[in-house]
């Protein structure tokens, strides 16, 4: 096919990586395992979708829980405003449509 010796060299170097069991029992088990995977019934569409969506659903649920815990921590870690702090600032600013309105007592 080709005069290039690359594939011949690749086969020779890869021969040490091949798995070739020495005993017949291992060959029999290996062949049986391959046959069982080939003869396995095909997945239905529902099973295929379940196989994909279950991990995604678990990941999204974990993300939602982590976000909820994070928000709760941030809200509870702030110091609450006291009545004196709220009453000391008499200016109230309201922003509507990009305009800022200030209301003073």
PDB file of N, CA and C in Angstrom:
ATOM      1  N   UNK A   1       0.817  -1.190   0.000  1.00  0.00           N
ATOM      2  CA  UNK A   1       0.000   0.000   0.000  1.00  0.00           C
ATOM      3  C   UNK A   1       0.864   1.258   0.000  1.00  0.00           C
ATOM      4  N   UNK A   2       1.763   1.305   0.963  1.00  0.00           N
ATOM      5  CA  UNK A   2       2.586   2.486   1.070  1.00  0.00           C
ATOM      6  C   UNK A   2       4.020   2.053   1.331  1.00  0.00           C
ATOM      7  N   UNK A   3       4.936   2.843   0.852  1.00  0.00           N
ATOM      8  CA  UNK A   3       6.344   2.549   1.095  1.00  0.00           C
ATOM      9  C   UNK A   3       6.795   3.074   2.447  1.00  0.00           C
ATOM     10  N   UNK A   4       5.917   3.795   3.124  1.00  0.00           N
ATOM     11  CA  UNK A   4       6.245   4.371   4.414  1.00  0.00           C
ATOM     12  C   UNK A   4       6.321   3.270   5.463  1.00  0.00           C
ATOM     13  N   UNK A   5       7.356   3.244   6.223  1.00  0.00           N
ATOM     14  CA  UNK A   5       7.557   2.215   7.245  1.00  0.00           C
ATOM     15  C   UNK A   5       6.970   2.616   8.597  1.00  0.00           C
ATOM     16  N   UNK A   6       6.236   3.716   8.619  1.00  0.00           N
ATOM     17  CA  UNK A   6       5.682   4.214   9.879  1.00  0.00           C
ATOM     18  C   UNK A   6       4.755   3.195  10.520  1.00  0.00           C
ATOM     19  N   UNK A   7       3.825   2.648   9.733  1.00  0.00           N
ATOM     20  CA  UNK A   7       2.859   1.714  10.300  1.00  0.00           C
ATOM     21  C   UNK A   7       3.526   0.418  10.746  1.00  0.00           C
ATOM     22  N   UNK A   8       4.533  -0.032  10.008  1.00  0.00           N
ATOM     23  CA  UNK A   8       5.256  -1.223  10.438  1.00  0.00           C
ATOM     24  C   UNK A   8       5.983  -0.978  11.759  1.00  0.00           C
ATOM     25  N   UNK A   9       6.613   0.162  11.881  1.00  0.00           N
ATOM     26  CA  UNK A   9       7.300   0.520  13.120  1.00  0.00           C
ATOM     27  C   UNK A   9       6.305   0.694  14.267  1.00  0.00           C
ATOM     28  N   UNK A  10       5.150   1.289  13.967  1.00  0.00           N
ATOM     29  CA  UNK A  10       4.116   1.472  14.988  1.00  0.00           C
ATOM     30  C   UNK A  10       3.599   0.134  15.485  1.00  0.00           C
ATOM     31  N   UNK A  11       3.341  -0.814  14.591  1.00  0.00           N
ATOM     32  CA  UNK A  11       2.886  -2.147  15.001  1.00  0.00           C
ATOM     33  C   UNK A  11       3.934  -2.847  15.854  1.00  0.00           C
ATOM     34  N   UNK A  12       5.181  -2.714  15.471  1.00  0.00           N
ATOM     35  CA  UNK A  12       6.254  -3.363  16.213  1.00  0.00           C
ATOM     36  C   UNK A  12       6.389  -2.776  17.620  1.00  0.00           C
ATOM     37  N   UNK A  13       6.322  -1.470  17.738  1.00  0.00           N
ATOM     38  CA  UNK A  13       6.448  -0.836  19.048  1.00  0.00           C
ATOM     39  C   UNK A  13       5.212  -1.073  19.914  1.00  0.00           C
ATOM     40  N   UNK A  14       4.049  -1.198  19.288  1.00  0.00           N
ATOM     41  CA  UNK A  14       2.818  -1.401  20.045  1.00  0.00           C
ATOM     42  C   UNK A  14       2.615  -2.855  20.443  1.00  0.00           C
ATOM     43  N   UNK A  15       3.387  -3.745  19.886  1.00  0.00           N
ATOM     44  CA  UNK A  15       3.208  -5.165  20.216  1.00  0.00           C
ATOM     45  C   UNK A  15       3.486  -5.442  21.696  1.00  0.00           C
ATOM     46  N   UNK A  16       4.321  -4.655  22.323  1.00  0.00           N
ATOM     47  CA  UNK A  16       4.579  -4.855  23.756  1.00  0.00           C
ATOM     48  C   UNK A  16       3.403  -4.403  24.609  1.00  0.00           C
ATOM     49  N   UNK A  17       2.529  -3.560  24.056  1.00  0.00           N
ATOM     50  CA  UNK A  17       1.380  -3.060  24.810  1.00  0.00           C
ATOM     51  C   UNK A  17       0.155  -3.955  24.689  1.00  0.00           C
ATOM     52  N   UNK A  18       0.184  -4.933  23.799  1.00  0.00           N
ATOM     53  CA  UNK A  18      -0.969  -5.812  23.610  1.00  0.00           C
ATOM     54  C   UNK A  18      -1.178  -6.703  24.813  1.00  0.00           C
ATOM     55  N   UNK A  19      -2.449  -6.929  25.124  1.00  0.00           N
ATOM     56  CA  UNK A  19      -2.801  -7.839  26.210  1.00  0.00           C
ATOM     57  C   UNK A  19      -3.077  -9.204  25.607  1.00  0.00           C
ATOM     58  N   UNK A  20      -2.207 -10.132  25.883  1.00  0.00           N
ATOM     59  CA  UNK A  20      -2.370 -11.497  25.385  1.00  0.00           C
ATOM     60  C   UNK A  20      -2.216 -12.470  26.548  1.00  0.00           C
ATOM     61  N   UNK A  21      -3.342 -12.855  27.153  1.00  0.00           N
ATOM     62  CA  UNK A  21      -3.253 -13.771  28.294  1.00  0.00           C
ATOM     63  C   UNK A  21      -2.721 -15.135  27.864  1.00  0.00           C
ATOM     64  N   UNK A  22      -2.031 -15.783  28.790  1.00  0.00           N
ATOM     65  CA  UNK A  22      -1.383 -17.050  28.489  1.00  0.00           C
ATOM     66  C   UNK A  22      -2.294 -18.262  28.701  1.00  0.00           C
ATOM     67  N   UNK A  23      -3.233 -18.187  29.645  1.00  0.00           N
ATOM     68  CA  UNK A  23      -4.062 -19.371  29.922  1.00  0.00           C
ATOM     69  C   UNK A  23      -5.395 -19.309  29.179  1.00  0.00           C
ATOM     70  N   UNK A  24      -5.971 -20.485  28.941  1.00  0.00           N
ATOM     71  CA  UNK A  24      -7.210 -20.586  28.168  1.00  0.00           C
ATOM     72  C   UNK A  24      -8.417 -20.062  28.940  1.00  0.00           C
ATOM     73  N   UNK A  25      -8.400 -20.168  30.260  1.00  0.00           N
ATOM     74  CA  UNK A  25      -9.537 -19.706  31.056  1.00  0.00           C
ATOM     75  C   UNK A  25      -9.731 -18.204  30.905  1.00  0.00           C
ATOM     76  N   UNK A  26      -8.668 -17.469  30.868  1.00  0.00           N
ATOM     77  CA  UNK A  26      -8.775 -16.017  30.710  1.00  0.00           C
ATOM     78  C   UNK A  26      -9.318 -15.667  29.330  1.00  0.00           C
ATOM     79  N   UNK A  27      -8.859 -16.384  28.292  1.00  0.00           N
ATOM     80  CA  UNK A  27      -9.390 -16.152  26.951  1.00  0.00           C
ATOM     81  C   UNK A  27     -10.881 -16.436  26.895  1.00  0.00           C
ATOM     82  N   UNK A  28     -11.309 -17.501  27.578  1.00  0.00           N
ATOM     83  CA  UNK A  28     -12.724 -17.863  27.578  1.00  0.00           C
ATOM     84  C   UNK A  28     -13.555 -16.785  28.279  1.00  0.00           C
ATOM     85  N   UNK A  29     -13.077 -16.315  29.434  1.00  0.00           N
ATOM     86  CA  UNK A  29     -13.799 -15.257  30.158  1.00  0.00           C
ATOM     87  C   UNK A  29     -13.844 -13.971  29.342  1.00  0.00           C
ATOM     88  N   UNK A  30     -12.742 -13.644  28.708  1.00  0.00           N
ATOM     89  CA  UNK A  30     -12.689 -12.433  27.904  1.00  0.00           C
ATOM     90  C   UNK A  30     -13.654 -12.512  26.725  1.00  0.00           C
ATOM     91  N   UNK A  31     -13.683 -13.657  26.042  1.00  0.00           N
ATOM     92  CA  UNK A  31     -14.605 -13.824  24.917  1.00  0.00           C
ATOM     93  C   UNK A  31     -16.056 -13.795  25.387  1.00  0.00           C
ATOM     94  N   UNK A  32     -16.345 -14.401  26.540  1.00  0.00           N
ATOM     95  CA  UNK A  32     -17.712 -14.390  27.068  1.00  0.00           C
ATOM     96  C   UNK A  32     -18.147 -12.980  27.444  1.00  0.00           C
ATOM     97  N   UNK A  33     -17.245 -12.218  28.012  1.00  0.00           N
ATOM     98  CA  UNK A  33     -17.582 -10.838  28.383  1.00  0.00           C
ATOM     99  C   UNK A  33     -17.861  -9.996  27.136  1.00  0.00           C
ATOM    100  N   UNK A  34     -17.066 -10.166  26.097  1.00  0.00           N
ATOM    101  CA  UNK A  34     -17.285  -9.423  24.854  1.00  0.00           C
ATOM    102  C   UNK A  34     -18.601  -9.830  24.213  1.00  0.00           C
ATOM    103  N   UNK A  35     -18.901 -11.134  24.186  1.00  0.00           N
ATOM    104  CA  UNK A  35     -20.167 -11.595  23.614  1.00  0.00           C
ATOM    105  C   UNK A  35     -21.363 -11.061  24.392  1.00  0.00           C
ATOM    106  N   UNK A  36     -21.264 -11.030  25.714  1.00  0.00           N
ATOM    107  CA  UNK A  36     -22.389 -10.541  26.516  1.00  0.00           C
ATOM    108  C   UNK A  36     -22.637  -9.059  26.272  1.00  0.00           C
ATOM    109  N   UNK A  37     -21.586  -8.287  26.050  1.00  0.00           N
ATOM    110  CA  UNK A  37     -21.771  -6.866  25.772  1.00  0.00           C
ATOM    111  C   UNK A  37     -22.348  -6.642  24.385  1.00  0.00           C
ATOM    112  N   UNK A  38     -21.985  -7.505  23.434  1.00  0.00           N
ATOM    113  CA  UNK A  38     -22.516  -7.379  22.076  1.00  0.00           C
ATOM    114  C   UNK A  38     -23.980  -7.800  22.031  1.00  0.00           C
ATOM    115  N   UNK A  39     -24.321  -8.871  22.743  1.00  0.00           N
ATOM    116  CA  UNK A  39     -25.678  -9.409  22.722  1.00  0.00           C
ATOM    117  C   UNK A  39     -26.618  -8.702  23.693  1.00  0.00           C
ATOM    118  N   UNK A  40     -26.138  -7.725  24.430  1.00  0.00           N
ATOM    119  CA  UNK A  40     -26.982  -7.014  25.390  1.00  0.00           C
ATOM    120  C   UNK A  40     -28.093  -6.282  24.645  1.00  0.00           C
ATOM    121  N   UNK A  41     -29.289  -6.221  25.257  1.00  0.00           N
ATOM    122  CA  UNK A  41     -30.387  -5.516  24.577  1.00  0.00           C
ATOM    123  C   UNK A  41     -30.087  -4.022  24.458  1.00  0.00           C
ATOM    124  N   UNK A  42     -30.548  -3.441  23.369  1.00  0.00           N
ATOM    125  CA  UNK A  42     -30.335  -2.017  23.137  1.00  0.00           C
ATOM    126  C   UNK A  42     -31.195  -1.202  24.104  1.00  0.00           C
ATOM    127  N   UNK A  43     -30.676  -0.058  24.503  1.00  0.00           N
ATOM    128  CA  UNK A  43     -31.414   0.811  25.404  1.00  0.00           C
ATOM    129  C   UNK A  43     -32.580   1.467  24.675  1.00  0.00           C
ATOM    130  N   UNK A  44     -33.667   1.650  25.415  1.00  0.00           N
ATOM    131  CA  UNK A  44     -34.777   2.408  24.846  1.00  0.00           C
ATOM    132  C   UNK A  44     -34.454   3.895  24.946  1.00  0.00           C
ATOM    133  N   UNK A  45     -35.259   4.703  24.313  1.00  0.00           N
ATOM    134  CA  UNK A  45     -35.037   6.143  24.344  1.00  0.00           C
ATOM    135  C   UNK A  45     -35.180   6.663  25.771  1.00  0.00           C
ATOM    136  N   UNK A  46     -36.157   6.142  26.504  1.00  0.00           N
ATOM    137  CA  UNK A  46     -36.363   6.580  27.883  1.00  0.00           C
ATOM    138  C   UNK A  46     -35.157   6.226  28.756  1.00  0.00           C
ATOM    139  N   UNK A  47     -34.607   5.035  28.565  1.00  0.00           N
ATOM    140  CA  UNK A  47     -33.445   4.634  29.356  1.00  0.00           C
ATOM    141  C   UNK A  47     -32.226   5.480  28.995  1.00  0.00           C
ATOM    142  N   UNK A  48     -32.073   5.775  27.725  1.00  0.00           N
ATOM    143  CA  UNK A  48     -30.952   6.602  27.295  1.00  0.00           C
ATOM    144  C   UNK A  48     -31.060   8.009  27.871  1.00  0.00           C
ATOM    145  N   UNK A  49     -32.258   8.589  27.823  1.00  0.00           N
ATOM    146  CA  UNK A  49     -32.456   9.925  28.391  1.00  0.00           C
ATOM    147  C   UNK A  49     -32.257   9.920  29.899  1.00  0.00           C
ATOM    148  N   UNK A  50     -32.744   8.874  30.559  1.00  0.00           N
ATOM    149  CA  UNK A  50     -32.558   8.779  32.011  1.00  0.00           C
ATOM    150  C   UNK A  50     -31.085   8.684  32.360  1.00  0.00           C
ATOM    151  N   UNK A  51     -30.335   7.978  31.560  1.00  0.00           N
ATOM    152  CA  UNK A  51     -28.904   7.834  31.810  1.00  0.00           C
ATOM    153  C   UNK A  51     -28.183   9.173  31.667  1.00  0.00           C
ATOM    154  N   UNK A  52     -28.684  10.059  30.798  1.00  0.00           N
ATOM    155  CA  UNK A  52     -28.071  11.366  30.620  1.00  0.00           C
ATOM    156  C   UNK A  52     -28.600  12.392  31.620  1.00  0.00           C
ATOM    157  N   UNK A  53     -29.911  12.366  31.866  1.00  0.00           N
ATOM    158  CA  UNK A  53     -30.510  13.426  32.670  1.00  0.00           C
ATOM    159  C   UNK A  53     -30.326  13.246  34.165  1.00  0.00           C
ATOM    160  N   UNK A  54     -30.201  12.045  34.646  1.00  0.00           N
ATOM    161  CA  UNK A  54     -30.025  11.848  36.084  1.00  0.00           C
ATOM    162  C   UNK A  54     -28.781  12.546  36.613  1.00  0.00           C
ATOM    163  N   UNK A  55     -27.611  12.366  36.018  1.00  0.00           N
ATOM    164  CA  UNK A  55     -26.438  13.088  36.538  1.00  0.00           C
ATOM    165  C   UNK A  55     -26.561  14.598  36.397  1.00  0.00           C
ATOM    166  N   UNK A  56     -27.173  15.044  35.304  1.00  0.00           N
ATOM    167  CA  UNK A  56     -27.345  16.486  35.126  1.00  0.00           C
ATOM    168  C   UNK A  56     -28.287  17.039  36.185  1.00  0.00           C
ATOM    169  N   UNK A  57     -29.356  16.308  36.475  1.00  0.00           N
ATOM    170  CA  UNK A  57     -30.305  16.741  37.496  1.00  0.00           C
ATOM    171  C   UNK A  57     -29.655  16.790  38.864  1.00  0.00           C
ATOM    172  N   UNK A  58     -28.857  15.796  39.189  1.00  0.00           N
ATOM    173  CA  UNK A  58     -28.166  15.779  40.483  1.00  0.00           C
ATOM    174  C   UNK A  58     -27.193  16.950  40.586  1.00  0.00           C
ATOM    175  N   UNK A  59     -26.488  17.240  39.502  1.00  0.00           N
ATOM    176  CA  UNK A  59     -25.540  18.361  39.512  1.00  0.00           C
ATOM    177  C   UNK A  59     -26.275  19.695  39.695  1.00  0.00           C
ATOM    178  N   UNK A  60     -27.401  19.871  39.002  1.00  0.00           N
ATOM    179  CA  UNK A  60     -28.163  21.112  39.142  1.00  0.00           C
ATOM    180  C   UNK A  60     -28.761  21.245  40.550  1.00  0.00           C
ATOM    181  N   UNK A  61     -29.218  20.129  41.113  1.00  0.00           N
ATOM    182  CA  UNK A  61     -29.755  20.175  42.473  1.00  0.00           C
ATOM    183  C   UNK A  61     -28.658  20.536  43.468  1.00  0.00           C
ATOM    184  N   UNK A  62     -27.475  19.985  43.277  1.00  0.00           N
ATOM    185  CA  UNK A  62     -26.356  20.336  44.152  1.00  0.00           C
ATOM    186  C   UNK A  62     -25.981  21.799  44.028  1.00  0.00           C
ATOM    187  N   UNK A  63     -26.002  22.298  42.806  1.00  0.00           N
ATOM    188  CA  UNK A  63     -25.713  23.714  42.587  1.00  0.00           C
ATOM    189  C   UNK A  63     -26.768  24.601  43.250  1.00  0.00           C
ATOM    190  N   UNK A  64     -28.034  24.210  43.161  1.00  0.00           N
ATOM    191  CA  UNK A  64     -29.106  24.989  43.788  1.00  0.00           C
ATOM    192  C   UNK A  64     -28.968  24.991  45.307  1.00  0.00           C
ATOM    193  N   UNK A  65     -28.623  23.841  45.878  1.00  0.00           N
ATOM    194  CA  UNK A  65     -28.438  23.767  47.332  1.00  0.00           C
ATOM    195  C   UNK A  65     -27.256  24.626  47.760  1.00  0.00           C
ATOM    196  N   UNK A  66     -26.149  24.542  47.025  1.00  0.00           N
ATOM    197  CA  UNK A  66     -24.974  25.339  47.367  1.00  0.00           C
ATOM    198  C   UNK A  66     -25.269  26.837  47.259  1.00  0.00           C
ATOM    199  N   UNK A  67     -26.038  27.223  46.248  1.00  0.00           N
ATOM    200  CA  UNK A  67     -26.403  28.625  46.088  1.00  0.00           C
ATOM    201  C   UNK A  67     -27.301  29.090  47.225  1.00  0.00           C
ATOM    202  N   UNK A  68     -28.260  28.263  47.610  1.00  0.00           N
ATOM    203  CA  UNK A  68     -29.159  28.622  48.713  1.00  0.00           C
ATOM    204  C   UNK A  68     -28.392  28.777  50.017  1.00  0.00           C
ATOM    205  N   UNK A  69     -27.480  27.854  50.264  1.00  0.00           N
ATOM    206  CA  UNK A  69     -26.672  27.947  51.491  1.00  0.00           C
ATOM    207  C   UNK A  69     -25.790  29.185  51.448  1.00  0.00           C
ATOM    208  N   UNK A  70     -25.239  29.495  50.283  1.00  0.00           N
ATOM    209  CA  UNK A  70     -24.406  30.691  50.150  1.00  0.00           C
ATOM    210  C   UNK A  70     -25.189  31.969  50.397  1.00  0.00           C
ATOM    211  N   UNK A  71     -26.383  32.062  49.820  1.00  0.00           N
ATOM    212  CA  UNK A  71     -27.215  33.250  50.059  1.00  0.00           C
ATOM    213  C   UNK A  71     -27.603  33.365  51.526  1.00  0.00           C
ATOM    214  N   UNK A  72     -27.961  32.265  52.129  1.00  0.00           N
ATOM    215  CA  UNK A  72     -28.333  32.304  53.547  1.00  0.00           C
ATOM    216  C   UNK A  72     -27.154  32.747  54.407  1.00  0.00           C
ATOM    217  N   UNK A  73     -25.955  32.276  54.076  1.00  0.00           N
ATOM    218  CA  UNK A  73     -24.776  32.667  54.844  1.00  0.00           C
ATOM    219  C   UNK A  73     -24.490  34.152  54.684  1.00  0.00           C
ATOM    220  N   UNK A  74     -24.582  34.661  53.459  1.00  0.00           N
ATOM    221  CA  UNK A  74     -24.298  36.074  53.220  1.00  0.00           C
ATOM    222  C   UNK A  74     -25.325  36.948  53.926  1.00  0.00           C
ATOM    223  N   UNK A  75     -26.588  36.567  53.864  1.00  0.00           N
ATOM    224  CA  UNK A  75     -27.629  37.363  54.513  1.00  0.00           C
ATOM    225  C   UNK A  75     -27.487  37.355  56.037  1.00  0.00           C
ATOM    226  N   UNK A  76     -27.106  36.232  56.607  1.00  0.00           N
ATOM    227  CA  UNK A  76     -26.989  36.147  58.057  1.00  0.00           C
ATOM    228  C   UNK A  76     -25.668  36.667  58.581  1.00  0.00           C
ATOM    229  N   UNK A  77     -24.670  36.838  57.735  1.00  0.00           N
ATOM    230  CA  UNK A  77     -23.368  37.292  58.216  1.00  0.00           C
ATOM    231  C   UNK A  77     -23.287  38.815  58.318  1.00  0.00           C
ATOM    232  N   UNK A  78     -24.197  39.535  57.685  1.00  0.00           N
ATOM    233  CA  UNK A  78     -24.182  40.986  57.796  1.00  0.00           C
ATOM    234  C   UNK A  78     -24.739  41.417  59.146  1.00  0.00           C
ATOM    235  N   UNK A  79     -24.209  42.536  59.631  1.00  0.00           N
ATOM    236  CA  UNK A  79     -24.732  43.073  60.880  1.00  0.00           C
ATOM    237  C   UNK A  79     -26.072  43.751  60.606  1.00  0.00           C
ATOM    238  N   UNK A  80     -27.068  43.462  61.414  1.00  0.00           N
ATOM    239  CA  UNK A  80     -28.360  44.118  61.182  1.00  0.00           C
ATOM    240  C   UNK A  80     -28.280  45.610  61.522  1.00  0.00           C
ATOM    241  N   UNK A  81     -29.036  46.393  60.790  1.00  0.00           N
ATOM    242  CA  UNK A  81     -29.063  47.838  61.031  1.00  0.00           C
ATOM    243  C   UNK A  81     -29.882  48.122  62.289  1.00  0.00           C
ATOM    244  N   UNK A  82     -29.344  48.982  63.123  1.00  0.00           N
ATOM    245  CA  UNK A  82     -30.063  49.346  64.348  1.00  0.00           C
ATOM    246  C   UNK A  82     -31.001  50.518  64.065  1.00  0.00           C
ATOM    247  N   UNK A  83     -31.893  50.774  64.997  1.00  0.00           N
ATOM    248  CA  UNK A  83     -32.852  51.855  64.841  1.00  0.00           C
ATOM    249  C   UNK A  83     -32.143  53.212  64.817  1.00  0.00           C
ATOM    250  N   UNK A  84     -31.083  53.362  65.587  1.00  0.00           N
ATOM    251  CA  UNK A  84     -30.327  54.619  65.606  1.00  0.00           C
ATOM    252  C   UNK A  84     -29.660  54.873  64.253  1.00  0.00           C
ATOM    253  N   UNK A  85     -29.115  53.808  63.642  1.00  0.00           N
ATOM    254  CA  UNK A  85     -28.478  53.980  62.349  1.00  0.00           C
ATOM    255  C   UNK A  85     -29.499  54.364  61.273  1.00  0.00           C
ATOM    256  N   UNK A  86     -30.662  53.766  61.345  1.00  0.00           N
ATOM    257  CA  UNK A  86     -31.683  54.085  60.348  1.00  0.00           C
ATOM    258  C   UNK A  86     -32.228  55.485  60.534  1.00  0.00           C
ATOM    259  N   UNK A  87     -32.352  55.942  61.766  1.00  0.00           N
ATOM    260  CA  UNK A  87     -32.922  57.270  62.003  1.00  0.00           C
ATOM    261  C   UNK A  87     -31.891  58.371  61.801  1.00  0.00           C
ATOM    262  N   UNK A  88     -30.588  58.068  61.863  1.00  0.00           N
ATOM    263  CA  UNK A  88     -29.579  59.108  61.697  1.00  0.00           C
ATOM    264  C   UNK A  88     -29.499  59.579  60.246  1.00  0.00           C
ATOM    265  N   UNK A  89     -29.816  58.748  59.311  1.00  0.00           N
ATOM    266  CA  UNK A  89     -29.785  59.144  57.910  1.00  0.00           C
ATOM    267  C   UNK A  89     -31.183  59.593  57.508  1.00  0.00           C
ATOM    268  N   UNK A  90     -31.373  60.914  57.463  1.00  0.00           N
ATOM    269  CA  UNK A  90     -32.709  61.439  57.178  1.00  0.00           C
ATOM    270  C   UNK A  90     -32.954  61.596  55.677  1.00  0.00           C
ATOM    271  N   UNK A  91     -31.893  61.503  54.848  1.00  0.00           N
ATOM    272  CA  UNK A  91     -32.072  61.617  53.406  1.00  0.00           C
ATOM    273  C   UNK A  91     -32.530  60.280  52.834  1.00  0.00           C
ATOM    274  N   UNK A  92     -33.584  60.369  52.023  1.00  0.00           N
ATOM    275  CA  UNK A  92     -34.069  59.194  51.328  1.00  0.00           C
ATOM    276  C   UNK A  92     -33.943  59.472  49.853  1.00  0.00           C
ATOM    277  N   UNK A  93     -33.225  58.592  49.149  1.00  0.00           N
ATOM    278  CA  UNK A  93     -33.047  58.781  47.721  1.00  0.00           C
ATOM    279  C   UNK A  93     -33.828  57.705  46.982  1.00  0.00           C
ATOM    280  N   UNK A  94     -34.541  58.154  45.966  1.00  0.00           N
ATOM    281  CA  UNK A  94     -35.336  57.245  45.147  1.00  0.00           C
ATOM    282  C   UNK A  94     -34.864  57.409  43.710  1.00  0.00           C
ATOM    283  N   UNK A  95     -34.541  56.292  43.068  1.00  0.00           N
ATOM    284  CA  UNK A  95     -34.103  56.342  41.677  1.00  0.00           C
ATOM    285  C   UNK A  95     -35.211  55.781  40.809  1.00  0.00           C
ATOM    286  N   UNK A  96     -35.680  56.593  39.858  1.00  0.00           N
ATOM    287  CA  UNK A  96     -36.733  56.177  38.948  1.00  0.00           C
ATOM    288  C   UNK A  96     -36.309  56.562  37.540  1.00  0.00           C
ATOM    289  N   UNK A  97     -36.212  55.592  36.678  1.00  0.00           N
ATOM    290  CA  UNK A  97     -35.903  55.858  35.278  1.00  0.00           C
ATOM    291  C   UNK A  97     -34.576  56.566  35.075  1.00  0.00           C
ATOM    292  N   UNK A  98     -33.612  56.323  35.918  1.00  0.00           N
ATOM    293  CA  UNK A  98     -32.304  56.952  35.782  1.00  0.00           C
ATOM    294  C   UNK A  98     -32.197  58.289  36.495  1.00  0.00           C
ATOM    295  N   UNK A  99     -33.295  58.845  36.961  1.00  0.00           N
ATOM    296  CA  UNK A  99     -33.272  60.085  37.712  1.00  0.00           C
ATOM    297  C   UNK A  99     -33.291  59.761  39.195  1.00  0.00           C
ATOM    298  N   UNK A 100     -32.525  60.531  39.991  1.00  0.00           N
ATOM    299  CA  UNK A 100     -32.453  60.308  41.426  1.00  0.00           C
ATOM    300  C   UNK A 100     -33.172  61.468  42.113  1.00  0.00           C
ATOM    301  N   UNK A 101     -34.130  61.108  42.958  1.00  0.00           N
ATOM    302  CA  UNK A 101     -34.889  62.101  43.708  1.00  0.00           C
ATOM    303  C   UNK A 101     -34.526  61.961  45.174  1.00  0.00           C
ATOM    304  N   UNK A 102     -34.313  63.089  45.849  1.00  0.00           N
ATOM    305  CA  UNK A 102     -33.933  63.085  47.259  1.00  0.00           C
ATOM    306  C   UNK A 102     -35.087  63.663  48.077  1.00  0.00           C
ATOM    307  N   UNK A 103     -35.430  62.934  49.134  1.00  0.00           N
ATOM    308  CA  UNK A 103     -36.511  63.364  50.009  1.00  0.00           C
ATOM    309  C   UNK A 103     -35.911  63.612  51.383  1.00  0.00           C
ATOM    310  N   UNK A 104     -36.075  64.832  51.917  1.00  0.00           N
ATOM    311  CA  UNK A 104     -35.547  65.183  53.240  1.00  0.00           C
ATOM    312  C   UNK A 104     -36.692  65.410  54.190  1.00  0.00           C
ATOM    313  N   UNK A 105     -36.423  65.134  55.454  1.00  0.00           N
ATOM    314  CA  UNK A 105     -37.449  65.379  56.501  1.00  0.00           C
ATOM    315  C   UNK A 105     -37.581  66.833  56.801  1.00  0.00           C
TER     316      UNK A 105
END
